C-alpha atoms as a PDB file:
ATOM      1  CA  MET A   1      22.453 -16.656 -14.767  1.00  0.00           C
ATOM      2  CA  SER A   2      19.984 -13.950 -13.690  1.00  0.00           C
ATOM      3  CA  ASP A   3      18.150 -11.638 -16.065  1.00  0.00           C
ATOM      4  CA  ALA A   4      20.062  -8.683 -14.646  1.00  0.00           C
ATOM      5  CA  ALA A   5      23.359 -10.367 -15.367  1.00  0.00           C
ATOM      6  CA  GLU A   6      22.302 -11.119 -18.923  1.00  0.00           C
ATOM      7  CA  GLY A   7      21.293  -7.514 -19.452  1.00  0.00           C
ATOM      8  CA  LYS A   8      17.625  -8.348 -19.953  1.00  0.00           C
ATOM      9  CA  VAL A   9      14.891  -5.953 -18.922  1.00  0.00           C
ATOM     10  CA  THR A  10      12.325  -7.370 -16.510  1.00  0.00           C
ATOM     11  CA  PHE A  11       8.798  -6.054 -17.075  1.00  0.00           C
ATOM     12  CA  ASP A  12       7.502  -5.393 -13.562  1.00  0.00           C
ATOM     13  CA  ARG A  13       3.779  -4.737 -13.072  1.00  0.00           C
ATOM     14  CA  HIS A  14       4.580  -2.582 -10.012  1.00  0.00           C
ATOM     15  CA  LEU A  15       6.421  -0.192 -12.314  1.00  0.00           C
ATOM     16  CA  VAL A  16       3.310  -0.013 -14.509  1.00  0.00           C
ATOM     17  CA  LEU A  17       1.261   1.121 -11.525  1.00  0.00           C
ATOM     18  CA  ASP A  18       3.723   3.966 -10.951  1.00  0.00           C
ATOM     19  CA  GLN A  19       3.052   5.211 -14.480  1.00  0.00           C
ATOM     20  CA  LEU A  20      -0.703   5.676 -13.964  1.00  0.00           C
ATOM     21  CA  GLY A  21      -1.690   9.324 -13.844  1.00  0.00           C
ATOM     22  CA  GLY A  22      -4.454   8.912 -11.275  1.00  0.00           C
ATOM     23  CA  TRP A  23      -7.301  11.367 -10.835  1.00  0.00           C
ATOM     24  CA  ARG A  24      -5.265  14.440 -11.703  1.00  0.00           C
ATOM     25  CA  GLY A  25      -4.122  12.803 -14.925  1.00  0.00           C
ATOM     26  CA  MET A  26      -7.712  12.182 -16.010  1.00  0.00           C
ATOM     27  CA  VAL A  27      -8.651  15.786 -15.214  1.00  0.00           C
ATOM     28  CA  ASP A  28      -5.671  17.040 -17.211  1.00  0.00           C
ATOM     29  CA  ALA A  29      -6.816  14.959 -20.174  1.00  0.00           C
ATOM     30  CA  THR A  30     -10.130  16.853 -20.396  1.00  0.00           C
ATOM     31  CA  LEU A  31      -8.663  20.370 -20.381  1.00  0.00           C
ATOM     32  CA  PRO A  32      -7.704  20.563 -24.101  1.00  0.00           C
ATOM     33  CA  THR A  33     -11.209  19.412 -25.104  1.00  0.00           C
ATOM     34  CA  ILE A  34     -12.896  22.009 -22.904  1.00  0.00           C
ATOM     35  CA  ALA A  35     -10.530  24.692 -24.195  1.00  0.00           C
ATOM     36  CA  PHE A  36     -11.271  23.760 -27.806  1.00  0.00           C
ATOM     37  CA  VAL A  37     -15.054  23.809 -27.412  1.00  0.00           C
ATOM     38  CA  VAL A  38     -15.100  27.136 -25.546  1.00  0.00           C
ATOM     39  CA  ALA A  39     -12.671  28.895 -27.893  1.00  0.00           C
ATOM     40  CA  ASN A  40     -14.364  27.500 -30.996  1.00  0.00           C
ATOM     41  CA  SER A  41     -17.778  28.710 -29.849  1.00  0.00           C
ATOM     42  CA  LEU A  42     -16.445  32.178 -29.025  1.00  0.00           C
ATOM     43  CA  ALA A  43     -13.941  32.869 -31.803  1.00  0.00           C
ATOM     44  CA  GLY A  44     -14.118  30.119 -34.408  1.00  0.00           C
ATOM     45  CA  LEU A  45     -12.139  27.050 -35.462  1.00  0.00           C
ATOM     46  CA  THR A  46      -8.687  28.644 -35.675  1.00  0.00           C
ATOM     47  CA  ALA A  47      -8.931  29.984 -32.139  1.00  0.00           C
ATOM     48  CA  GLY A  48     -10.195  26.607 -30.953  1.00  0.00           C
ATOM     49  CA  ILE A  49      -7.241  24.804 -32.538  1.00  0.00           C
ATOM     50  CA  TRP A  50      -4.599  27.070 -31.026  1.00  0.00           C
ATOM     51  CA  THR A  51      -6.298  27.127 -27.631  1.00  0.00           C
ATOM     52  CA  ALA A  52      -6.486  23.325 -27.537  1.00  0.00           C
ATOM     53  CA  LEU A  53      -2.818  23.055 -28.477  1.00  0.00           C
ATOM     54  CA  GLY A  54      -1.906  25.635 -25.852  1.00  0.00           C
ATOM     55  CA  ALA A  55      -3.847  23.747 -23.191  1.00  0.00           C
ATOM     56  CA  ALA A  56      -2.178  20.462 -24.180  1.00  0.00           C
ATOM     57  CA  VAL A  57       1.284  22.042 -23.974  1.00  0.00           C
ATOM     58  CA  LEU A  58       0.387  23.575 -20.600  1.00  0.00           C
ATOM     59  CA  VAL A  59      -0.760  20.190 -19.255  1.00  0.00           C
ATOM     60  CA  PHE A  60       2.443  18.603 -20.522  1.00  0.00           C
ATOM     61  CA  GLY A  61       4.513  21.296 -18.820  1.00  0.00           C
ATOM     62  CA  LEU A  62       2.650  20.829 -15.546  1.00  0.00           C
ATOM     63  CA  ARG A  63       3.270  17.084 -15.656  1.00  0.00           C
ATOM     64  CA  VAL A  64       6.975  17.694 -16.181  1.00  0.00           C
ATOM     65  CA  ALA A  65       7.023  20.224 -13.334  1.00  0.00           C
ATOM     66  CA  ARG A  66       5.245  17.739 -11.051  1.00  0.00           C
ATOM     67  CA  ARG A  67       7.729  15.049 -12.126  1.00  0.00           C
ATOM     68  CA  GLN A  68       4.941  12.783 -13.323  1.00  0.00           C
ATOM     69  CA  SER A  69       5.025  10.306 -16.170  1.00  0.00           C
ATOM     70  CA  VAL A  70       6.282  12.075 -19.306  1.00  0.00           C
ATOM     71  CA  GLN A  71       4.988   9.189 -21.414  1.00  0.00           C
ATOM     72  CA  GLN A  72       1.375  10.029 -20.588  1.00  0.00           C
ATOM     73  CA  GLY A  73       2.020  13.701 -21.261  1.00  0.00           C
ATOM     74  CA  VAL A  74       3.538  12.941 -24.655  1.00  0.00           C
ATOM     75  CA  SER A  75       0.685  10.605 -25.631  1.00  0.00           C
ATOM     76  CA  GLY A  76      -1.888  13.234 -24.593  1.00  0.00           C
ATOM     77  CA  LEU A  77      -0.086  15.947 -26.535  1.00  0.00           C
ATOM     78  CA  PHE A  78       0.132  13.681 -29.572  1.00  0.00           C
ATOM     79  CA  ALA A  79      -3.592  12.842 -29.431  1.00  0.00           C
ATOM     80  CA  VAL A  80      -4.547  16.529 -29.278  1.00  0.00           C
ATOM     81  CA  ALA A  81      -2.135  17.321 -32.121  1.00  0.00           C
ATOM     82  CA  VAL A  82      -3.713  14.654 -34.333  1.00  0.00           C
ATOM     83  CA  ALA A  83      -7.209  15.881 -33.456  1.00  0.00           C
ATOM     84  CA  VAL A  84      -6.456  19.507 -34.329  1.00  0.00           C
ATOM     85  CA  VAL A  85      -4.673  18.522 -37.548  1.00  0.00           C
ATOM     86  CA  ILE A  86      -7.752  16.597 -38.678  1.00  0.00           C
ATOM     87  CA  ALA A  87     -10.010  19.543 -37.816  1.00  0.00           C
ATOM     88  CA  TRP A  88      -7.648  21.984 -39.566  1.00  0.00           C
ATOM     89  CA  ARG A  89      -7.394  19.879 -42.741  1.00  0.00           C
ATOM     90  CA  THR A  90     -11.159  19.419 -43.061  1.00  0.00           C
ATOM     91  CA  GLY A  91     -12.124  22.866 -41.787  1.00  0.00           C
ATOM     92  CA  GLU A  92     -14.795  21.255 -39.614  1.00  0.00           C
ATOM     93  CA  ALA A  93     -14.726  21.750 -35.845  1.00  0.00           C
ATOM     94  CA  ARG A  94     -16.595  18.477 -35.323  1.00  0.00           C
ATOM     95  CA  ASP A  95     -13.640  16.560 -36.772  1.00  0.00           C
ATOM     96  CA  PHE A  96     -11.670  17.393 -33.626  1.00  0.00           C
ATOM     97  CA  PHE A  97     -13.599  14.444 -32.130  1.00  0.00           C
ATOM     98  CA  THR A  98     -13.025  11.991 -34.993  1.00  0.00           C
ATOM     99  CA  LEU A  99      -9.995  10.362 -33.371  1.00  0.00           C
ATOM    100  CA  GLY A 100     -11.895   9.797 -30.125  1.00  0.00           C
ATOM    101  CA  LEU A 101     -14.838   8.328 -32.030  1.00  0.00           C
ATOM    102  CA  ILE A 102     -12.620   5.810 -33.817  1.00  0.00           C
ATOM    103  CA  ARG A 103     -10.674   4.987 -30.651  1.00  0.00           C
ATOM    104  CA  ASN A 104     -13.772   4.389 -28.519  1.00  0.00           C
ATOM    105  CA  ALA A 105     -15.450   2.238 -31.155  1.00  0.00           C
ATOM    106  CA  GLY A 106     -12.281   0.219 -31.721  1.00  0.00           C
ATOM    107  CA  ILE A 107     -11.633  -0.412 -28.022  1.00  0.00           C
ATOM    108  CA  GLY A 108     -15.264  -1.396 -27.450  1.00  0.00           C
ATOM    109  CA  VAL A 109     -15.147  -3.945 -30.276  1.00  0.00           C
ATOM    110  CA  VAL A 110     -11.822  -5.374 -29.065  1.00  0.00           C
ATOM    111  CA  LEU A 111     -13.172  -5.733 -25.513  1.00  0.00           C
ATOM    112  CA  LEU A 112     -16.215  -7.642 -26.728  1.00  0.00           C
ATOM    113  CA  GLY A 113     -14.044  -9.776 -28.982  1.00  0.00           C
ATOM    114  CA  SER A 114     -11.841 -10.740 -26.038  1.00  0.00           C
ATOM    115  CA  ILE A 115     -14.884 -12.264 -24.328  1.00  0.00           C
ATOM    116  CA  LEU A 116     -15.650 -14.420 -27.358  1.00  0.00           C
ATOM    117  CA  VAL A 117     -12.179 -15.994 -27.158  1.00  0.00           C
ATOM    118  CA  ARG A 118     -12.542 -16.489 -23.374  1.00  0.00           C
ATOM    119  CA  ARG A 119      -9.826 -13.983 -22.571  1.00  0.00           C
ATOM    120  CA  PRO A 120     -11.745 -10.981 -21.181  1.00  0.00           C
ATOM    121  CA  LEU A 121      -9.324  -8.084 -21.257  1.00  0.00           C
ATOM    122  CA  VAL A 122     -10.332  -6.724 -17.859  1.00  0.00           C
ATOM    123  CA  GLY A 123      -9.279 -10.066 -16.401  1.00  0.00           C
ATOM    124  CA  VAL A 124      -6.027 -10.087 -18.343  1.00  0.00           C
ATOM    125  CA  VAL A 125      -5.125  -6.613 -17.085  1.00  0.00           C
ATOM    126  CA  ALA A 126      -6.334  -7.219 -13.514  1.00  0.00           C
ATOM    127  CA  GLU A 127      -4.444 -10.505 -13.196  1.00  0.00           C
ATOM    128  CA  PHE A 128      -1.298  -8.859 -14.518  1.00  0.00           C
ATOM    129  CA  LEU A 129      -1.460  -5.943 -12.105  1.00  0.00           C
ATOM    130  CA  ALA A 130      -2.725  -7.913  -9.088  1.00  0.00           C
ATOM    131  CA  PRO A 131      -2.886 -11.719  -9.474  1.00  0.00           C
ATOM    132  CA  SER A 132      -5.945 -13.011  -7.640  1.00  0.00           C
ATOM    133  CA  HIS A 133      -4.197 -16.123  -6.285  1.00  0.00           C
ATOM    134  CA  LEU A 134      -1.939 -13.862  -4.219  1.00  0.00           C
ATOM    135  CA  GLY A 135      -4.973 -12.299  -2.533  1.00  0.00           C
ATOM    136  CA  GLY A 136      -3.329  -8.881  -2.330  1.00  0.00           C
ATOM    137  CA  MET A 137      -6.661  -7.067  -2.678  1.00  0.00           C
ATOM    138  CA  ALA A 138      -8.733  -9.423  -0.529  1.00  0.00           C
ATOM    139  CA  SER A 139      -8.966  -6.769   2.196  1.00  0.00           C
ATOM    140  CA  HIS A 140      -8.757  -3.856  -0.223  1.00  0.00           C
ATOM    141  CA  SER A 141     -10.441  -0.641   0.902  1.00  0.00           C
ATOM    142  CA  LEU A 142     -11.045   2.274  -1.416  1.00  0.00           C
ATOM    143  CA  PRO A 143      -9.447   5.612  -0.542  1.00  0.00           C
ATOM    144  CA  SER A 144     -11.623   8.246   1.048  1.00  0.00           C
ATOM    145  CA  LEU A 145     -12.803  10.960  -1.307  1.00  0.00           C
ATOM    146  CA  ARG A 146     -11.690  13.487   1.290  1.00  0.00           C
ATOM    147  CA  GLY A 147      -8.101  12.570   0.523  1.00  0.00           C
ATOM    148  CA  LEU A 148      -8.625  13.616  -3.100  1.00  0.00           C
ATOM    149  CA  ARG A 149      -9.351  17.250  -2.336  1.00  0.00           C
ATOM    150  CA  ALA A 150      -7.112  19.734  -4.052  1.00  0.00           C
ATOM    151  CA  GLY A 151      -4.237  20.987  -2.010  1.00  0.00           C
ATOM    152  CA  ARG A 152      -3.904  17.992   0.283  1.00  0.00           C
ATOM    153  CA  LYS A 153      -0.454  16.497   0.078  1.00  0.00           C
ATOM    154  CA  THR A 154       0.384  12.848   0.605  1.00  0.00           C
ATOM    155  CA  PRO A 155       2.944  12.398   3.368  1.00  0.00           C
ATOM    156  CA  ALA A 156       6.335  11.388   2.078  1.00  0.00           C
ATOM    157  CA  PRO A 157       7.550   7.882   2.951  1.00  0.00           C
ATOM    158  CA  ALA A 158      10.158   7.565   5.663  1.00  0.00           C
ATOM    159  CA  ALA A 159      13.707   7.879   4.411  1.00  0.00           C
ATOM    160  CA  GLU A 160      14.820   4.744   6.233  1.00  0.00           C
ATOM    161  CA  THR A 161      12.256   2.517   4.459  1.00  0.00           C
ATOM    162  CA  PRO A 162      12.751   3.055   0.725  1.00  0.00           C
ATOM    163  CA  ALA A 163      10.568   1.135  -1.731  1.00  0.00           C
ATOM    164  CA  PRO A 164      12.182  -2.109  -2.865  1.00  0.00           C
ATOM    165  CA  SER A 165      13.544  -2.169  -6.370  1.00  0.00           C
ATOM    166  CA  ALA A 166      12.270  -4.548  -9.042  1.00  0.00           C
ATOM    167  CA  ALA A 167      15.510  -6.551  -8.862  1.00  0.00           C
ATOM    168  CA  ALA A 168      15.274  -7.006  -5.066  1.00  0.00           C
ATOM    169  CA  ARG A 169      11.556  -7.903  -4.985  1.00  0.00           C
ATOM    170  CA  GLU A 170      10.699 -11.543  -4.418  1.00  0.00           C
ATOM    171  CA  PRO A 171       9.037 -13.231  -7.410  1.00  0.00           C
ATOM    172  CA  ASP A 172       5.326 -13.921  -7.137  1.00  0.00           C
ATOM    173  CA  ALA A 173       4.144 -17.414  -6.275  1.00  0.00           C
ATOM    174  CA  VAL A 174       2.825 -19.489  -9.161  1.00  0.00           C
ATOM    175  CA  ALA A 175      -0.923 -20.108  -9.216  1.00  0.00           C
ATOM    176  CA  ASP A 176      -2.134 -23.680  -8.684  1.00  0.00           C
ATOM    177  CA  ARG A 177      -4.857 -23.036 -11.244  1.00  0.00           C
ATOM    178  CA  HIS A 178      -5.034 -20.433 -13.975  1.00  0.00           C
ATOM    179  CA  TRP A 179      -7.699 -17.783 -13.399  1.00  0.00           C
ATOM    180  CA  ARG A 180      -9.443 -18.682 -16.671  1.00  0.00           C
ATOM    181  CA  GLU A 181     -10.017 -22.184 -15.296  1.00  0.00           C
ATOM    182  CA  ASP A 182     -12.034 -20.732 -12.412  1.00  0.00           C
ATOM    183  CA  PRO A 183     -15.652 -20.324 -13.641  1.00  0.00           C
ATOM    184  CA  ARG A 184     -16.413 -17.607 -11.086  1.00  0.00           C
ATOM    185  CA  LEU A 185     -13.425 -15.483 -12.045  1.00  0.00           C
ATOM    186  CA  LEU A 186     -14.000 -15.957 -15.767  1.00  0.00           C
ATOM    187  CA  LYS A 187     -17.662 -14.982 -15.472  1.00  0.00           C
ATOM    188  CA  ALA A 188     -16.959 -11.919 -13.300  1.00  0.00           C
ATOM    189  CA  TYR A 189     -14.152 -10.665 -15.524  1.00  0.00           C
ATOM    190  CA  SER A 190     -16.352 -11.207 -18.574  1.00  0.00           C
ATOM    191  CA  TRP A 191     -19.136  -9.052 -17.124  1.00  0.00           C
ATOM    192  CA  LEU A 192     -16.633  -6.368 -16.125  1.00  0.00           C
ATOM    193  CA  THR A 193     -15.312  -6.411 -19.683  1.00  0.00           C
ATOM    194  CA  VAL A 194     -18.889  -6.033 -20.970  1.00  0.00           C
ATOM    195  CA  LEU A 195     -19.293  -3.017 -18.684  1.00  0.00           C
ATOM    196  CA  TRP A 196     -16.164  -1.319 -20.025  1.00  0.00           C
ATOM    197  CA  ALA A 197     -17.064  -2.216 -23.620  1.00  0.00           C
ATOM    198  CA  ALA A 198     -20.579  -0.804 -23.197  1.00  0.00           C
ATOM    199  CA  VAL A 199     -19.206   2.533 -21.971  1.00  0.00           C
ATOM    200  CA  PHE A 200     -16.724   2.792 -24.844  1.00  0.00           C
ATOM    201  CA  LEU A 201     -19.433   1.944 -27.366  1.00  0.00           C
ATOM    202  CA  LEU A 202     -21.841   4.383 -25.693  1.00  0.00           C
ATOM    203  CA  ARG A 203     -19.256   7.142 -26.080  1.00  0.00           C
ATOM    204  CA  ALA A 204     -18.772   6.193 -29.719  1.00  0.00           C
ATOM    205  CA  GLY A 205     -22.524   6.057 -30.389  1.00  0.00           C
ATOM    206  CA  LEU A 206     -23.298   9.427 -28.811  1.00  0.00           C
ATOM    207  CA  THR A 207     -20.268  10.996 -30.491  1.00  0.00           C
ATOM    208  CA  TRP A 208     -21.476   9.711 -33.865  1.00  0.00           C
ATOM    209  CA  PHE A 209     -24.999  10.971 -33.142  1.00  0.00           C
ATOM    210  CA  TYR A 210     -23.868  14.534 -32.421  1.00  0.00           C
ATOM    211  CA  TYR A 211     -21.181  14.368 -35.105  1.00  0.00           C
ATOM    212  CA  GLN A 212     -23.881  13.819 -37.707  1.00  0.00           C
ATOM    213  CA  ARG A 213     -25.724  16.870 -36.337  1.00  0.00           C
ATOM    214  CA  ASP A 214     -22.558  18.984 -36.292  1.00  0.00           C
ATOM    215  CA  ASP A 215     -23.167  19.884 -32.631  1.00  0.00           C
ATOM    216  CA  VAL A 216     -19.678  20.702 -31.346  1.00  0.00           C
ATOM    217  CA  GLU A 217     -20.871  21.778 -27.905  1.00  0.00           C
ATOM    218  CA  MET A 218     -22.623  18.458 -27.305  1.00  0.00           C
ATOM    219  CA  LEU A 219     -19.627  16.573 -28.683  1.00  0.00           C
ATOM    220  CA  GLY A 220     -17.494  18.265 -26.056  1.00  0.00           C
ATOM    221  CA  ALA A 221     -20.076  17.612 -23.343  1.00  0.00           C
ATOM    222  CA  VAL A 222     -20.195  13.907 -24.201  1.00  0.00           C
ATOM    223  CA  SER A 223     -16.406  13.694 -24.237  1.00  0.00           C
ATOM    224  CA  VAL A 224     -16.092  15.302 -20.794  1.00  0.00           C
ATOM    225  CA  ALA A 225     -19.177  13.856 -19.071  1.00  0.00           C
ATOM    226  CA  LEU A 226     -18.507  10.298 -20.212  1.00  0.00           C
ATOM    227  CA  GLY A 227     -14.799  10.674 -19.522  1.00  0.00           C
ATOM    228  CA  LEU A 228     -13.703  11.395 -15.952  1.00  0.00           C
ATOM    229  CA  PRO A 229     -16.981  10.847 -14.029  1.00  0.00           C
ATOM    230  CA  VAL A 230     -17.927   7.571 -15.726  1.00  0.00           C
ATOM    231  CA  THR A 231     -14.364   6.273 -15.673  1.00  0.00           C
ATOM    232  CA  ALA A 232     -14.216   6.953 -11.935  1.00  0.00           C
ATOM    233  CA  VAL A 233     -17.404   4.941 -11.349  1.00  0.00           C
ATOM    234  CA  GLN A 234     -16.112   2.107 -13.534  1.00  0.00           C
ATOM    235  CA  LEU A 235     -12.859   1.967 -11.606  1.00  0.00           C
ATOM    236  CA  LEU A 236     -14.674   1.873  -8.273  1.00  0.00           C
ATOM    237  CA  ILE A 237     -16.921  -0.961  -9.453  1.00  0.00           C
ATOM    238  CA  THR A 238     -13.987  -2.862 -10.920  1.00  0.00           C
ATOM    239  CA  LEU A 239     -11.901  -2.521  -7.756  1.00  0.00           C
ATOM    240  CA  TRP A 240     -14.809  -3.666  -5.599  1.00  0.00           C
ATOM    241  CA  VAL A 241     -15.468  -6.743  -7.736  1.00  0.00           C
ATOM    242  CA  VAL A 242     -11.772  -7.623  -8.017  1.00  0.00           C
ATOM    243  CA  SER A 243     -11.343  -7.407  -4.239  1.00  0.00           C
ATOM    244  CA  ARG A 244     -14.208  -9.875  -3.803  1.00  0.00           C
ATOM    245  CA  LEU A 245     -12.676 -12.180  -6.390  1.00  0.00           C
ATOM    246  CA  HIS A 246      -9.383 -12.133  -4.504  1.00  0.00           C
ATOM    247  CA  ARG A 247     -11.180 -13.012  -1.297  1.00  0.00           C
ATOM    248  CA  HIS A 248     -13.036 -15.833  -3.046  1.00  0.00           C
ATOM    249  CA  ARG A 249      -9.900 -17.335  -4.536  1.00  0.00           C
ATOM    250  CA  THR A 250      -7.803 -17.126  -1.376  1.00  0.00           C
ATOM    251  CA  ASP A 251     -10.655 -18.599   0.712  1.00  0.00           C
ATOM    252  CA  THR A 252     -10.963 -21.465  -1.767  1.00  0.00           C
ATOM    253  CA  ALA A 253      -7.227 -22.135  -1.658  1.00  0.00           C
ATOM    254  CA  THR A 254      -7.156 -22.445   2.156  1.00  0.00           C
END
């Protein structure tokens, strides 16, 4: 009996990809922080709190209007709400960044820990989203930055060729050898995990440095500068390396 017949829910990695916010989602995530820092510097903590909340609600509304993932909007709104509650309870504007400090430090430690147990998290995520033995990214090319300019719309897919549903999609072929048994893949994924861990720990370290000095403007600058721009570079590097790993594994299999 099939999973559908038994009423089970199949977790499809292609559906996960549809939930990613993309570049616009990362930009939206920085708006409440910028709003808080600017309003706090001009009119004090109370103004900063309400402005950050207003920006978070606005971002959430825009995501709903654009029919994007509500889950990301809710999580972003929740994170801002927790941050402003902490700042309001302590009366310190710098505490708006406490949640981010703890999150970055925690993720960095977990990423490094995953390497010690020979399960680098970048590899776990990459192999879930795009298994290397299928070679789907072997000829992967990164999108042109020109296509990311504001106002350019992506052409809608043809009505006669709708995307296949999860139930109709053919199951992926089983790998002859697990990716962790391939020394090249394990080493590459480990170094990619080190890269991501280093960035998270760098964010945490700089945030702690300026937190101790009660420099709210620099806390905001670190949050924004090490957010979208650095994440974009990390993603480009990760995609490039993963595409080469796919090519390596498919060439080895033939």
